[in-house]
């Protein structure tokens, strides 16, 4: 079965940004195991990784917003982020500060 443009873009991100992807994957696992101990490293590396993800999201959806398909841009973007969340379910916690 042919891959969707969304899946192709996510696969491209994983290949082109392999080092950052692998580093964030390792830190994500550490963060999942012990959030308090690994939060600082997770946030620092996560900011860089989210910047890359957003660049690929713009690449995927950017041309769509200038055409008649602008209505679908939000849906495509959400599908892209769902692919990211499948691999990194805690990615939405990047940058979250917990005060005690």
N, C-alpha and C. Protein backbone atom coordinates (compact mmCIF):
# COMPACT_ATOMS: atom_id res chain seq x y z
N UNK A 1 0.84 -1.18 0.00
CA UNK A 1 0.00 0.00 0.00
C UNK A 1 0.88 1.24 0.00
N UNK A 2 0.49 2.23 -0.75
CA UNK A 2 1.27 3.45 -0.86
C UNK A 2 1.15 4.27 0.42
N UNK A 3 2.24 4.92 0.77
CA UNK A 3 2.25 5.75 1.97
C UNK A 3 1.63 7.11 1.67
N UNK A 4 0.99 7.66 2.67
CA UNK A 4 0.42 8.99 2.51
C UNK A 4 1.55 10.02 2.54
N UNK A 5 1.26 11.20 2.07
CA UNK A 5 2.24 12.29 2.09
C UNK A 5 2.65 12.59 3.54
N UNK A 6 1.71 12.47 4.45
CA UNK A 6 2.00 12.70 5.86
C UNK A 6 3.02 11.67 6.36
N UNK A 7 2.81 10.41 6.06
CA UNK A 7 3.74 9.36 6.48
C UNK A 7 5.09 9.52 5.80
N UNK A 8 5.09 9.89 4.53
CA UNK A 8 6.35 10.11 3.81
C UNK A 8 7.16 11.23 4.45
N UNK A 9 6.48 12.30 4.83
CA UNK A 9 7.17 13.43 5.45
C UNK A 9 7.73 13.03 6.81
N UNK A 10 6.98 12.27 7.58
CA UNK A 10 7.47 11.82 8.88
C UNK A 10 8.65 10.86 8.72
N UNK A 11 8.58 9.98 7.74
CA UNK A 11 9.71 9.08 7.48
C UNK A 11 10.94 9.86 7.05
N UNK A 12 10.74 10.90 6.27
CA UNK A 12 11.84 11.77 5.84
C UNK A 12 12.48 12.46 7.04
N UNK A 13 11.67 12.92 7.97
CA UNK A 13 12.18 13.51 9.20
C UNK A 13 13.05 12.51 9.94
N UNK A 14 12.58 11.28 10.08
CA UNK A 14 13.32 10.26 10.82
C UNK A 14 14.65 9.94 10.15
N UNK A 15 14.69 9.94 8.84
CA UNK A 15 15.92 9.63 8.11
C UNK A 15 16.89 10.81 8.13
N UNK A 16 16.39 11.99 7.80
CA UNK A 16 17.26 13.17 7.69
C UNK A 16 17.75 13.68 9.04
N UNK A 17 16.99 13.46 10.09
CA UNK A 17 17.34 13.94 11.42
C UNK A 17 17.59 12.75 12.36
N UNK A 18 18.23 11.71 11.83
CA UNK A 18 18.39 10.47 12.57
C UNK A 18 19.08 10.67 13.92
N UNK A 19 20.15 11.45 13.96
CA UNK A 19 20.89 11.63 15.21
C UNK A 19 20.02 12.29 16.27
N UNK A 20 19.34 13.38 15.90
CA UNK A 20 18.46 14.07 16.85
C UNK A 20 17.28 13.19 17.23
N UNK A 21 16.72 12.48 16.26
CA UNK A 21 15.60 11.59 16.51
C UNK A 21 15.99 10.51 17.52
N UNK A 22 17.15 9.89 17.31
CA UNK A 22 17.61 8.84 18.22
C UNK A 22 17.93 9.39 19.61
N UNK A 23 18.56 10.56 19.66
CA UNK A 23 18.86 11.19 20.95
C UNK A 23 17.58 11.49 21.72
N UNK A 24 16.60 12.07 21.03
CA UNK A 24 15.36 12.40 21.71
C UNK A 24 14.61 11.14 22.13
N UNK A 25 14.68 10.10 21.32
CA UNK A 25 14.04 8.84 21.68
C UNK A 25 14.62 8.29 22.98
N UNK A 26 15.94 8.34 23.09
CA UNK A 26 16.61 7.85 24.31
C UNK A 26 16.20 8.70 25.51
N UNK A 27 16.23 10.02 25.36
CA UNK A 27 15.86 10.91 26.46
C UNK A 27 14.38 10.77 26.81
N UNK A 28 13.54 10.55 25.81
CA UNK A 28 12.11 10.35 26.03
C UNK A 28 11.87 9.12 26.90
N UNK A 29 12.61 8.05 26.63
CA UNK A 29 12.47 6.84 27.44
C UNK A 29 12.94 7.08 28.88
N UNK A 30 14.04 7.81 29.02
CA UNK A 30 14.52 8.14 30.36
C UNK A 30 13.51 9.00 31.11
N UNK A 31 12.93 9.96 30.41
CA UNK A 31 11.93 10.85 31.00
C UNK A 31 10.69 10.06 31.41
N UNK A 32 10.28 9.12 30.60
CA UNK A 32 9.10 8.30 30.93
C UNK A 32 9.35 7.48 32.19
N UNK A 33 10.59 7.03 32.36
CA UNK A 33 10.92 6.23 33.53
C UNK A 33 11.06 7.07 34.79
N UNK A 34 11.64 8.27 34.66
CA UNK A 34 11.88 9.11 35.83
C UNK A 34 11.78 10.59 35.43
N UNK A 35 10.57 11.15 35.40
CA UNK A 35 10.39 12.52 34.93
C UNK A 35 11.14 13.57 35.75
N UNK A 36 11.17 13.43 37.03
CA UNK A 36 11.80 14.45 37.87
C UNK A 36 13.30 14.55 37.58
N UNK A 37 13.95 13.43 37.43
CA UNK A 37 15.39 13.41 37.22
C UNK A 37 15.79 13.88 35.82
N UNK A 38 14.97 13.60 34.83
CA UNK A 38 15.35 13.83 33.43
C UNK A 38 14.62 14.98 32.75
N UNK A 39 13.86 15.76 33.51
CA UNK A 39 13.05 16.83 32.91
C UNK A 39 13.90 17.89 32.20
N UNK A 40 14.99 18.30 32.80
CA UNK A 40 15.80 19.37 32.22
C UNK A 40 16.37 18.95 30.86
N UNK A 41 16.92 17.76 30.80
CA UNK A 41 17.48 17.26 29.54
C UNK A 41 16.37 17.04 28.51
N UNK A 42 15.24 16.53 28.96
CA UNK A 42 14.09 16.31 28.08
C UNK A 42 13.61 17.63 27.47
N UNK A 43 13.52 18.68 28.29
CA UNK A 43 13.07 19.98 27.79
C UNK A 43 14.09 20.59 26.84
N UNK A 44 15.37 20.50 27.17
CA UNK A 44 16.41 21.10 26.33
C UNK A 44 16.44 20.44 24.96
N UNK A 45 16.53 19.14 24.93
CA UNK A 45 16.58 18.41 23.66
C UNK A 45 15.23 18.46 22.95
N UNK A 46 14.15 18.46 23.73
CA UNK A 46 12.81 18.50 23.15
C UNK A 46 12.53 19.79 22.40
N UNK A 47 13.04 20.92 22.89
CA UNK A 47 12.85 22.19 22.17
C UNK A 47 13.47 22.12 20.78
N UNK A 48 14.67 21.57 20.68
CA UNK A 48 15.32 21.44 19.38
C UNK A 48 14.53 20.50 18.47
N UNK A 49 14.09 19.39 19.04
CA UNK A 49 13.37 18.39 18.26
C UNK A 49 12.02 18.93 17.77
N UNK A 50 11.32 19.65 18.62
CA UNK A 50 10.03 20.23 18.21
C UNK A 50 10.23 21.27 17.11
N UNK A 51 11.33 22.01 17.17
CA UNK A 51 11.63 22.96 16.10
C UNK A 51 11.78 22.26 14.75
N UNK A 52 12.45 21.12 14.77
CA UNK A 52 12.62 20.33 13.54
C UNK A 52 11.27 19.78 13.08
N UNK A 53 10.48 19.27 14.02
CA UNK A 53 9.16 18.74 13.67
C UNK A 53 8.31 19.83 13.02
N UNK A 54 8.33 21.01 13.58
CA UNK A 54 7.53 22.11 13.02
C UNK A 54 8.01 22.51 11.63
N UNK A 55 9.32 22.42 11.38
CA UNK A 55 9.84 22.71 10.05
C UNK A 55 9.30 21.71 9.03
N UNK A 56 9.27 20.44 9.40
CA UNK A 56 8.72 19.42 8.50
C UNK A 56 7.21 19.57 8.36
N UNK A 57 6.55 19.99 9.41
CA UNK A 57 5.11 20.24 9.33
C UNK A 57 4.82 21.38 8.35
N UNK A 58 5.63 22.43 8.42
CA UNK A 58 5.47 23.56 7.48
C UNK A 58 5.72 23.09 6.05
N UNK A 59 6.71 22.22 5.89
CA UNK A 59 7.01 21.68 4.57
C UNK A 59 5.82 20.89 4.03
N UNK A 60 5.17 20.15 4.90
CA UNK A 60 4.03 19.33 4.52
C UNK A 60 2.79 20.18 4.21
N UNK A 61 2.52 21.16 5.06
CA UNK A 61 1.25 21.90 4.98
C UNK A 61 1.38 23.28 4.34
N UNK A 62 2.58 23.78 4.17
CA UNK A 62 2.78 25.15 3.70
C UNK A 62 2.14 25.46 2.38
N UNK A 63 2.36 24.63 1.39
CA UNK A 63 1.78 24.87 0.07
C UNK A 63 0.28 24.70 0.06
N UNK A 64 -0.22 23.89 0.96
CA UNK A 64 -1.64 23.61 1.04
C UNK A 64 -2.43 24.84 1.47
N UNK A 65 -1.84 25.66 2.30
CA UNK A 65 -2.55 26.82 2.84
C UNK A 65 -2.77 27.91 1.78
N UNK A 66 -2.00 27.85 0.70
CA UNK A 66 -2.12 28.86 -0.35
C UNK A 66 -3.05 28.43 -1.48
N UNK A 67 -3.66 27.27 -1.34
CA UNK A 67 -4.51 26.75 -2.42
C UNK A 67 -5.94 26.57 -1.92
N UNK A 68 -6.72 25.93 -2.74
CA UNK A 68 -8.11 25.65 -2.36
C UNK A 68 -8.19 24.60 -1.26
N UNK A 69 -7.09 23.94 -0.95
CA UNK A 69 -7.08 22.90 0.07
C UNK A 69 -6.75 23.42 1.46
N UNK A 70 -6.84 24.70 1.66
CA UNK A 70 -6.46 25.27 2.96
C UNK A 70 -7.33 24.73 4.10
N UNK A 71 -8.52 24.31 3.79
CA UNK A 71 -9.42 23.74 4.80
C UNK A 71 -8.82 22.45 5.37
N UNK A 72 -8.11 21.70 4.55
CA UNK A 72 -7.57 20.42 4.97
C UNK A 72 -6.23 20.53 5.69
N UNK A 73 -5.62 21.69 5.67
CA UNK A 73 -4.30 21.88 6.25
C UNK A 73 -4.27 21.51 7.73
N UNK A 74 -5.26 21.92 8.49
CA UNK A 74 -5.30 21.61 9.92
C UNK A 74 -5.44 20.11 10.15
N UNK A 75 -6.21 19.44 9.31
CA UNK A 75 -6.38 18.00 9.44
C UNK A 75 -5.08 17.26 9.14
N UNK A 76 -4.40 17.68 8.10
CA UNK A 76 -3.13 17.06 7.74
C UNK A 76 -2.10 17.29 8.84
N UNK A 77 -2.08 18.49 9.37
CA UNK A 77 -1.17 18.81 10.46
C UNK A 77 -1.44 17.94 11.67
N UNK A 78 -2.69 17.76 12.01
CA UNK A 78 -3.06 16.92 13.16
C UNK A 78 -2.65 15.47 12.92
N UNK A 79 -2.82 14.97 11.69
CA UNK A 79 -2.40 13.60 11.39
C UNK A 79 -0.88 13.46 11.53
N UNK A 80 -0.15 14.48 11.11
CA UNK A 80 1.31 14.46 11.24
C UNK A 80 1.72 14.40 12.71
N UNK A 81 1.10 15.25 13.54
CA UNK A 81 1.42 15.25 14.97
C UNK A 81 0.99 13.94 15.64
N UNK A 82 -0.06 13.32 15.17
CA UNK A 82 -0.46 12.02 15.72
C UNK A 82 0.60 10.95 15.43
N UNK A 83 1.24 11.03 14.26
CA UNK A 83 2.34 10.11 13.98
C UNK A 83 3.50 10.34 14.95
N UNK A 84 3.79 11.60 15.22
CA UNK A 84 4.85 11.93 16.17
C UNK A 84 4.48 11.40 17.56
N UNK A 85 3.23 11.60 17.96
CA UNK A 85 2.79 11.17 19.29
C UNK A 85 2.75 9.64 19.43
N UNK A 86 2.64 8.93 18.33
CA UNK A 86 2.71 7.46 18.41
C UNK A 86 4.08 7.03 18.89
N UNK A 87 5.13 7.70 18.40
CA UNK A 87 6.49 7.36 18.81
C UNK A 87 6.87 8.03 20.13
N UNK A 88 6.34 9.23 20.37
CA UNK A 88 6.70 10.01 21.55
C UNK A 88 5.44 10.52 22.26
N UNK A 89 4.79 9.68 23.04
CA UNK A 89 3.53 10.09 23.67
C UNK A 89 3.67 11.24 24.68
N UNK A 90 4.86 11.49 25.17
CA UNK A 90 5.06 12.56 26.16
C UNK A 90 5.58 13.85 25.54
N UNK A 91 5.59 13.96 24.22
CA UNK A 91 6.17 15.12 23.57
C UNK A 91 5.44 16.42 23.93
N UNK A 92 4.18 16.33 24.29
CA UNK A 92 3.43 17.53 24.66
C UNK A 92 3.89 18.10 25.99
N UNK A 93 4.72 17.37 26.72
CA UNK A 93 5.22 17.86 28.00
C UNK A 93 6.54 18.62 27.87
N UNK A 94 7.06 18.74 26.66
CA UNK A 94 8.29 19.51 26.45
C UNK A 94 8.03 20.96 26.82
N UNK A 95 8.86 21.49 27.68
CA UNK A 95 8.75 22.87 28.10
C UNK A 95 7.83 23.09 29.30
N UNK A 96 7.19 22.06 29.75
CA UNK A 96 6.30 22.19 30.91
C UNK A 96 7.16 22.35 32.17
N UNK A 97 6.85 23.38 32.94
CA UNK A 97 7.58 23.65 34.18
C UNK A 97 6.66 23.34 35.35
N UNK A 98 7.16 22.50 36.24
CA UNK A 98 6.37 22.13 37.42
C UNK A 98 6.99 22.80 38.62
N UNK A 99 6.22 23.66 39.26
CA UNK A 99 6.69 24.35 40.45
C UNK A 99 6.20 23.62 41.67
N UNK A 100 7.08 23.54 42.65
CA UNK A 100 6.73 22.83 43.87
C UNK A 100 6.50 23.80 45.00
